[in-house]
Amino acid sequence: MEHVPPGYNGGRLRPDDEIYRADRSWLGPTGYTLPFRIPYRAIPVAVAVFLPLLPVLRLVGAGGLVMYLADLVISCLTAAVVARFTSPERPVSAMLAIFAHEVSAPRPARRPPQPVTVTLRPDLVPVHDAASAPARRRRRSGGRR
C-alpha cells in the first residue's frame, strides 16, 4: 500500500486563505453573546487609546461619568477604525510603521507667499445715478402678468 502524506489531495495543495476566513473575535462571555464582534487586534488598540486619554480629558475639564463615557466612546471608535483597516496580512504594527514613514518623509520646501499688487481703475467701471436711470419693470415667472 502506498503511503500518502496527510493533507495531500491528489497533487493539489489547499490554500491558506481558509485560515483568514474566520476572523479571530471575542463574542462575549460564555453564554452571553454580545450583539457585536470584538476583533482581538482591536483590544490592545482600545486600551492604548483609553489609558492616555483619561488624563487628557481630565485636563480639558471633563470629569465624572462624562469623562469615562467619552473616553470609552473615543477608544471604541478608534479601535473600530483600526480594526477596519487592518487584517492578518496588514497588521497594526505595519500600519504604525507606514504612518511613521509618511509623517517623517521629506517634503519639498514651501515658498513663502509672494505679495500681490492690484491696481484698481475706477474710471473703467460705469456708474449711473439711480435717480436718473429709467425704472425697469420686472417680469414675474409664473403667476399673473
N, C-alpha and C. Protein backbone atom coordinates (compact mmCIF):
# COMPACT_ATOMS: atom_id res chain seq x y z
N MET A 1 0.83 -1.17 0.00
CA MET A 1 0.00 0.00 0.00
C MET A 1 0.89 1.24 0.00
N GLU A 2 0.48 2.23 -0.74
CA GLU A 2 1.26 3.45 -0.92
C GLU A 2 1.01 4.41 0.24
N HIS A 3 2.10 5.02 0.72
CA HIS A 3 1.98 5.97 1.82
C HIS A 3 1.59 7.35 1.28
N VAL A 4 0.50 7.92 1.76
CA VAL A 4 0.02 9.25 1.34
C VAL A 4 0.18 10.19 2.53
N PRO A 5 0.93 11.28 2.35
CA PRO A 5 1.11 12.22 3.47
C PRO A 5 -0.21 12.92 3.80
N PRO A 6 -0.39 13.29 5.06
CA PRO A 6 -1.64 13.97 5.43
C PRO A 6 -1.71 15.34 4.73
N GLY A 7 -2.89 15.71 4.30
CA GLY A 7 -3.09 16.98 3.62
C GLY A 7 -2.86 16.89 2.12
N TYR A 8 -2.41 15.72 1.64
CA TYR A 8 -2.17 15.55 0.21
C TYR A 8 -3.50 15.25 -0.45
N ASN A 9 -3.86 16.08 -1.42
CA ASN A 9 -5.17 15.96 -2.02
C ASN A 9 -5.01 15.77 -3.52
N GLY A 10 -4.47 14.67 -3.92
CA GLY A 10 -4.32 14.38 -5.34
C GLY A 10 -3.39 15.34 -6.05
N GLY A 11 -2.37 15.83 -5.38
CA GLY A 11 -1.42 16.74 -6.02
C GLY A 11 -1.76 18.21 -5.84
N ARG A 12 -2.90 18.51 -5.24
CA ARG A 12 -3.27 19.91 -5.03
C ARG A 12 -3.04 20.29 -3.58
N LEU A 13 -2.48 21.45 -3.40
CA LEU A 13 -2.30 21.97 -2.04
C LEU A 13 -3.46 22.90 -1.73
N ARG A 14 -3.95 22.78 -0.53
CA ARG A 14 -5.05 23.66 -0.12
C ARG A 14 -4.49 25.03 0.20
N PRO A 15 -5.15 26.08 -0.24
CA PRO A 15 -4.65 27.43 0.07
C PRO A 15 -4.86 27.76 1.54
N ASP A 16 -4.06 28.68 2.03
CA ASP A 16 -4.18 29.06 3.43
C ASP A 16 -5.20 30.19 3.63
N ASP A 17 -5.97 30.52 2.60
CA ASP A 17 -6.98 31.57 2.73
C ASP A 17 -8.07 31.19 3.71
N GLU A 18 -8.27 29.91 3.91
CA GLU A 18 -9.31 29.47 4.84
C GLU A 18 -8.97 29.86 6.27
N ILE A 19 -7.69 30.04 6.55
CA ILE A 19 -7.29 30.45 7.90
C ILE A 19 -7.83 31.84 8.19
N TYR A 20 -7.79 32.72 7.18
CA TYR A 20 -8.21 34.10 7.38
C TYR A 20 -9.71 34.29 7.22
N ARG A 21 -10.40 33.29 6.76
CA ARG A 21 -11.84 33.41 6.57
C ARG A 21 -12.54 33.62 7.91
N ALA A 22 -12.10 32.93 8.91
CA ALA A 22 -12.68 33.10 10.25
C ALA A 22 -11.82 34.10 11.00
N ASP A 23 -12.31 35.33 11.12
CA ASP A 23 -11.58 36.38 11.82
C ASP A 23 -11.65 36.11 13.32
N ARG A 24 -10.51 36.12 13.96
CA ARG A 24 -10.47 35.83 15.38
C ARG A 24 -11.14 36.96 16.14
N SER A 25 -12.23 36.64 16.82
CA SER A 25 -13.01 37.65 17.52
C SER A 25 -13.50 37.12 18.85
N TRP A 26 -13.69 38.06 19.78
CA TRP A 26 -14.28 37.73 21.06
C TRP A 26 -15.75 38.06 20.95
N LEU A 27 -16.60 37.10 21.16
CA LEU A 27 -18.03 37.29 21.00
C LEU A 27 -18.74 37.59 22.32
N GLY A 28 -18.01 37.57 23.40
CA GLY A 28 -18.60 37.88 24.69
C GLY A 28 -18.38 36.75 25.67
N PRO A 29 -18.86 36.94 26.91
CA PRO A 29 -18.71 35.88 27.91
C PRO A 29 -19.49 34.63 27.50
N THR A 30 -19.08 33.51 28.02
CA THR A 30 -19.73 32.25 27.70
C THR A 30 -21.21 32.29 28.08
N GLY A 31 -22.04 32.00 27.10
CA GLY A 31 -23.47 32.00 27.34
C GLY A 31 -24.14 33.34 27.12
N TYR A 32 -23.38 34.42 27.02
CA TYR A 32 -23.93 35.76 26.83
C TYR A 32 -23.24 36.41 25.64
N THR A 33 -23.71 36.11 24.45
CA THR A 33 -23.08 36.64 23.25
C THR A 33 -23.43 38.10 23.08
N LEU A 34 -22.42 38.90 22.80
CA LEU A 34 -22.64 40.32 22.56
C LEU A 34 -23.27 40.52 21.19
N PRO A 35 -23.97 41.63 20.98
CA PRO A 35 -24.58 41.87 19.67
C PRO A 35 -23.57 42.31 18.61
N PHE A 36 -22.30 42.40 18.97
CA PHE A 36 -21.26 42.80 18.01
C PHE A 36 -20.01 41.99 18.28
N ARG A 37 -19.11 41.96 17.28
CA ARG A 37 -17.86 41.21 17.41
C ARG A 37 -16.76 42.17 17.85
N ILE A 38 -15.85 41.70 18.64
CA ILE A 38 -14.68 42.49 19.03
C ILE A 38 -13.45 41.73 18.54
N PRO A 39 -12.81 42.21 17.46
CA PRO A 39 -11.60 41.53 16.99
C PRO A 39 -10.50 41.63 18.04
N TYR A 40 -9.75 40.57 18.18
CA TYR A 40 -8.68 40.56 19.18
C TYR A 40 -7.64 41.64 18.91
N ARG A 41 -7.42 41.98 17.65
CA ARG A 41 -6.41 43.00 17.36
C ARG A 41 -6.88 44.41 17.74
N ALA A 42 -8.17 44.59 18.02
CA ALA A 42 -8.69 45.90 18.40
C ALA A 42 -8.59 46.14 19.91
N ILE A 43 -8.47 45.09 20.69
CA ILE A 43 -8.44 45.24 22.15
C ILE A 43 -7.20 46.00 22.61
N PRO A 44 -5.97 45.65 22.16
CA PRO A 44 -4.82 46.44 22.60
C PRO A 44 -4.87 47.88 22.12
N VAL A 45 -5.45 48.11 20.96
CA VAL A 45 -5.57 49.48 20.45
C VAL A 45 -6.51 50.28 21.35
N ALA A 46 -7.62 49.69 21.74
CA ALA A 46 -8.57 50.39 22.61
C ALA A 46 -7.95 50.71 23.97
N VAL A 47 -7.18 49.78 24.51
CA VAL A 47 -6.52 50.03 25.79
C VAL A 47 -5.44 51.10 25.63
N ALA A 48 -4.71 51.08 24.51
CA ALA A 48 -3.66 52.06 24.27
C ALA A 48 -4.23 53.47 24.06
N VAL A 49 -5.47 53.57 23.64
CA VAL A 49 -6.11 54.88 23.50
C VAL A 49 -6.79 55.28 24.81
N PHE A 50 -7.41 54.32 25.50
CA PHE A 50 -8.19 54.60 26.69
C PHE A 50 -7.34 55.18 27.82
N LEU A 51 -6.22 54.54 28.12
CA LEU A 51 -5.43 54.95 29.28
C LEU A 51 -4.81 56.35 29.14
N PRO A 52 -4.15 56.69 28.03
CA PRO A 52 -3.59 58.05 27.94
C PRO A 52 -4.67 59.13 27.78
N LEU A 53 -5.84 58.75 27.29
CA LEU A 53 -6.88 59.74 27.07
C LEU A 53 -7.54 60.20 28.36
N LEU A 54 -7.50 59.39 29.41
CA LEU A 54 -8.09 59.78 30.69
C LEU A 54 -7.49 61.06 31.24
N PRO A 55 -6.16 61.17 31.38
CA PRO A 55 -5.61 62.44 31.89
C PRO A 55 -5.85 63.61 30.94
N VAL A 56 -5.87 63.34 29.65
CA VAL A 56 -6.10 64.43 28.69
C VAL A 56 -7.51 64.98 28.88
N LEU A 57 -8.49 64.12 29.00
CA LEU A 57 -9.86 64.57 29.22
C LEU A 57 -10.00 65.28 30.56
N ARG A 58 -9.26 64.83 31.55
CA ARG A 58 -9.29 65.48 32.86
C ARG A 58 -8.72 66.89 32.77
N LEU A 59 -7.64 67.06 31.99
CA LEU A 59 -7.04 68.39 31.82
C LEU A 59 -7.96 69.31 31.01
N VAL A 60 -8.72 68.75 30.11
CA VAL A 60 -9.64 69.55 29.32
C VAL A 60 -10.78 70.06 30.19
N GLY A 61 -11.11 69.35 31.23
CA GLY A 61 -12.16 69.80 32.13
C GLY A 61 -13.30 68.82 32.31
N ALA A 62 -13.25 67.72 31.61
CA ALA A 62 -14.29 66.72 31.78
C ALA A 62 -14.03 65.96 33.07
N GLY A 63 -15.08 65.57 33.72
CA GLY A 63 -14.92 64.83 34.96
C GLY A 63 -16.10 63.92 35.20
N GLY A 64 -15.94 63.02 36.11
CA GLY A 64 -17.02 62.13 36.50
C GLY A 64 -17.38 61.13 35.41
N LEU A 65 -18.65 60.81 35.35
CA LEU A 65 -19.14 59.81 34.41
C LEU A 65 -18.98 60.24 32.96
N VAL A 66 -19.12 61.55 32.70
CA VAL A 66 -18.99 62.06 31.34
C VAL A 66 -17.59 61.77 30.80
N MET A 67 -16.58 61.94 31.64
CA MET A 67 -15.21 61.70 31.20
C MET A 67 -15.01 60.23 30.82
N TYR A 68 -15.51 59.33 31.64
CA TYR A 68 -15.33 57.90 31.37
C TYR A 68 -16.13 57.47 30.13
N LEU A 69 -17.33 57.99 29.98
CA LEU A 69 -18.13 57.63 28.81
C LEU A 69 -17.50 58.18 27.53
N ALA A 70 -17.01 59.42 27.57
CA ALA A 70 -16.36 60.00 26.39
C ALA A 70 -15.10 59.21 26.05
N ASP A 71 -14.34 58.84 27.06
CA ASP A 71 -13.12 58.06 26.83
C ASP A 71 -13.46 56.70 26.23
N LEU A 72 -14.50 56.06 26.73
CA LEU A 72 -14.91 54.76 26.22
C LEU A 72 -15.36 54.85 24.76
N VAL A 73 -16.15 55.87 24.45
CA VAL A 73 -16.64 56.04 23.08
C VAL A 73 -15.48 56.33 22.12
N ILE A 74 -14.58 57.23 22.51
CA ILE A 74 -13.45 57.57 21.63
C ILE A 74 -12.55 56.37 21.43
N SER A 75 -12.26 55.63 22.48
CA SER A 75 -11.38 54.46 22.34
C SER A 75 -12.04 53.36 21.51
N CYS A 76 -13.35 53.16 21.67
CA CYS A 76 -14.04 52.13 20.87
C CYS A 76 -14.09 52.53 19.39
N LEU A 77 -14.35 53.81 19.11
CA LEU A 77 -14.36 54.26 17.71
C LEU A 77 -12.98 54.13 17.08
N THR A 78 -11.95 54.50 17.82
CA THR A 78 -10.59 54.37 17.30
C THR A 78 -10.26 52.91 17.03
N ALA A 79 -10.62 52.04 17.94
CA ALA A 79 -10.36 50.61 17.76
C ALA A 79 -11.14 50.05 16.57
N ALA A 80 -12.36 50.54 16.36
CA ALA A 80 -13.16 50.07 15.22
C ALA A 80 -12.54 50.51 13.90
N VAL A 81 -12.04 51.74 13.85
CA VAL A 81 -11.38 52.22 12.63
C VAL A 81 -10.12 51.42 12.36
N VAL A 82 -9.33 51.18 13.40
CA VAL A 82 -8.09 50.42 13.22
C VAL A 82 -8.42 48.99 12.80
N ALA A 83 -9.43 48.37 13.39
CA ALA A 83 -9.80 47.00 13.02
C ALA A 83 -10.31 46.94 11.58
N ARG A 84 -10.94 48.00 11.11
CA ARG A 84 -11.44 48.01 9.74
C ARG A 84 -10.29 48.07 8.72
N PHE A 85 -9.23 48.80 9.04
CA PHE A 85 -8.14 48.99 8.09
C PHE A 85 -6.99 48.02 8.27
N THR A 86 -7.07 47.14 9.25
CA THR A 86 -6.02 46.14 9.45
C THR A 86 -6.58 44.75 9.18
N SER A 87 -5.66 43.83 8.96
CA SER A 87 -6.04 42.43 8.72
C SER A 87 -4.84 41.57 9.08
N PRO A 88 -4.96 40.25 9.02
CA PRO A 88 -3.79 39.42 9.27
C PRO A 88 -2.66 39.68 8.27
N GLU A 89 -3.00 40.12 7.08
CA GLU A 89 -1.97 40.42 6.09
C GLU A 89 -1.41 41.82 6.23
N ARG A 90 -2.12 42.71 6.95
CA ARG A 90 -1.66 44.07 7.19
C ARG A 90 -1.88 44.37 8.67
N PRO A 91 -0.94 43.96 9.53
CA PRO A 91 -1.13 44.10 10.98
C PRO A 91 -1.00 45.57 11.44
N VAL A 92 -1.39 45.80 12.68
CA VAL A 92 -1.35 47.14 13.26
C VAL A 92 0.08 47.66 13.28
N SER A 93 1.04 46.81 13.57
CA SER A 93 2.44 47.27 13.62
C SER A 93 2.90 47.78 12.26
N ALA A 94 2.46 47.14 11.18
CA ALA A 94 2.81 47.62 9.84
C ALA A 94 2.15 48.96 9.56
N MET A 95 0.91 49.12 10.02
CA MET A 95 0.22 50.39 9.82
C MET A 95 0.91 51.51 10.59
N LEU A 96 1.40 51.22 11.80
CA LEU A 96 2.13 52.23 12.56
C LEU A 96 3.43 52.60 11.86
N ALA A 97 4.12 51.61 11.29
CA ALA A 97 5.35 51.91 10.55
C ALA A 97 5.05 52.75 9.31
N ILE A 98 3.98 52.43 8.60
CA ILE A 98 3.60 53.22 7.43
C ILE A 98 3.28 54.64 7.83
N PHE A 99 2.54 54.82 8.93
CA PHE A 99 2.20 56.17 9.40
C PHE A 99 3.47 56.94 9.77
N ALA A 100 4.39 56.29 10.47
CA ALA A 100 5.63 56.97 10.86
C ALA A 100 6.44 57.37 9.63
N HIS A 101 6.49 56.52 8.62
CA HIS A 101 7.23 56.85 7.41
C HIS A 101 6.56 57.99 6.64
N GLU A 102 5.25 58.00 6.61
CA GLU A 102 4.54 59.07 5.92
C GLU A 102 4.75 60.41 6.60
N VAL A 103 4.73 60.41 7.92
CA VAL A 103 4.90 61.67 8.66
C VAL A 103 6.32 62.19 8.54
N SER A 104 7.30 61.30 8.56
CA SER A 104 8.69 61.73 8.54
C SER A 104 9.29 61.80 7.13
N ALA A 105 8.50 61.60 6.10
CA ALA A 105 9.02 61.64 4.73
C ALA A 105 9.44 63.07 4.38
N PRO A 106 10.53 63.20 3.61
CA PRO A 106 10.95 64.55 3.22
C PRO A 106 9.93 65.18 2.28
N ARG A 107 9.70 66.45 2.49
CA ARG A 107 8.75 67.20 1.68
C ARG A 107 9.49 68.33 0.98
N PRO A 108 9.02 68.76 -0.17
CA PRO A 108 9.66 69.91 -0.82
C PRO A 108 9.46 71.16 0.03
N ALA A 109 10.44 72.04 -0.02
CA ALA A 109 10.39 73.26 0.76
C ALA A 109 9.24 74.14 0.26
N ARG A 110 8.55 74.74 1.19
CA ARG A 110 7.44 75.62 0.83
C ARG A 110 7.97 77.02 0.64
N ARG A 111 7.58 77.64 -0.47
CA ARG A 111 7.98 79.02 -0.70
C ARG A 111 7.05 79.94 0.08
N PRO A 112 7.61 81.02 0.61
CA PRO A 112 6.72 81.97 1.29
C PRO A 112 5.80 82.63 0.27
N PRO A 113 4.61 83.00 0.66
CA PRO A 113 3.69 83.61 -0.31
C PRO A 113 4.24 84.95 -0.81
N GLN A 114 4.09 85.17 -2.10
CA GLN A 114 4.56 86.41 -2.72
C GLN A 114 3.46 87.47 -2.60
N PRO A 115 3.85 88.74 -2.36
CA PRO A 115 2.83 89.79 -2.30
C PRO A 115 2.20 90.01 -3.67
N VAL A 116 0.93 90.33 -3.67
CA VAL A 116 0.19 90.55 -4.90
C VAL A 116 -0.15 92.03 -4.99
N THR A 117 0.17 92.63 -6.11
CA THR A 117 -0.14 94.03 -6.33
C THR A 117 -1.35 94.13 -7.25
N VAL A 118 -2.35 94.86 -6.82
CA VAL A 118 -3.58 95.02 -7.58
C VAL A 118 -3.77 96.50 -7.86
N THR A 119 -4.01 96.84 -9.11
CA THR A 119 -4.28 98.23 -9.48
C THR A 119 -5.76 98.36 -9.79
N LEU A 120 -6.41 99.25 -9.07
CA LEU A 120 -7.82 99.48 -9.28
C LEU A 120 -7.98 100.70 -10.18
N ARG A 121 -8.82 100.55 -11.19
CA ARG A 121 -9.06 101.67 -12.10
C ARG A 121 -10.55 101.97 -12.11
N PRO A 122 -10.98 102.90 -11.26
CA PRO A 122 -12.40 103.18 -11.16
C PRO A 122 -12.98 103.82 -12.43
N ASP A 123 -12.15 104.38 -13.28
CA ASP A 123 -12.68 105.01 -14.49
C ASP A 123 -13.20 103.97 -15.48
N LEU A 124 -12.87 102.69 -15.31
CA LEU A 124 -13.34 101.64 -16.21
C LEU A 124 -14.69 101.06 -15.80
N VAL A 125 -15.17 101.44 -14.62
CA VAL A 125 -16.43 100.91 -14.13
C VAL A 125 -17.51 101.98 -14.35
N PRO A 126 -18.52 101.68 -15.19
CA PRO A 126 -19.56 102.69 -15.42
C PRO A 126 -20.47 102.80 -14.19
N VAL A 127 -20.68 104.05 -13.78
CA VAL A 127 -21.52 104.32 -12.63
C VAL A 127 -22.67 105.20 -13.08
N HIS A 128 -23.89 104.81 -12.76
CA HIS A 128 -25.07 105.58 -13.12
C HIS A 128 -25.77 106.02 -11.86
N ASP A 129 -26.33 107.19 -11.95
CA ASP A 129 -27.11 107.70 -10.83
C ASP A 129 -28.44 106.96 -10.80
N ALA A 130 -28.84 106.47 -9.67
CA ALA A 130 -30.07 105.68 -9.56
C ALA A 130 -31.31 106.52 -9.85
N ALA A 131 -31.27 107.82 -9.56
CA ALA A 131 -32.45 108.67 -9.76
C ALA A 131 -32.66 108.95 -11.25
N SER A 132 -31.57 109.06 -12.02
CA SER A 132 -31.71 109.39 -13.44
C SER A 132 -31.92 108.15 -14.31
N ALA A 133 -31.69 106.98 -13.78
CA ALA A 133 -31.86 105.76 -14.56
C ALA A 133 -33.34 105.47 -14.75
N PRO A 134 -33.74 105.01 -15.95
CA PRO A 134 -35.16 104.69 -16.16
C PRO A 134 -35.56 103.47 -15.32
N ALA A 135 -36.78 103.54 -14.81
CA ALA A 135 -37.28 102.44 -13.99
C ALA A 135 -37.65 101.27 -14.90
N ARG A 136 -37.20 100.11 -14.55
CA ARG A 136 -37.50 98.90 -15.32
C ARG A 136 -38.48 98.06 -14.54
N ARG A 137 -39.41 97.50 -15.26
CA ARG A 137 -40.37 96.60 -14.62
C ARG A 137 -39.84 95.17 -14.75
N ARG A 138 -39.94 94.47 -13.68
CA ARG A 138 -39.52 93.07 -13.70
C ARG A 138 -40.72 92.21 -14.01
N ARG A 139 -40.46 91.20 -14.76
CA ARG A 139 -41.50 90.22 -15.03
C ARG A 139 -41.40 89.11 -14.00
N ARG A 140 -42.54 88.72 -13.55
CA ARG A 140 -42.56 87.60 -12.59
C ARG A 140 -42.63 86.29 -13.38
N SER A 141 -41.90 85.30 -12.87
CA SER A 141 -42.01 83.99 -13.51
C SER A 141 -43.18 83.27 -12.88
N GLY A 142 -44.02 82.70 -13.71
CA GLY A 142 -45.23 82.06 -13.20
C GLY A 142 -46.27 83.15 -12.93
N GLY A 143 -47.24 82.93 -12.15
CA GLY A 143 -48.19 83.93 -11.68
C GLY A 143 -48.79 84.82 -12.77
N ARG A 144 -49.37 86.00 -12.38
CA ARG A 144 -50.02 86.91 -13.31
C ARG A 144 -49.02 87.81 -13.98
N ARG A 145 -49.47 88.35 -15.19
CA ARG A 145 -48.62 89.31 -15.90
C ARG A 145 -49.33 90.60 -16.04
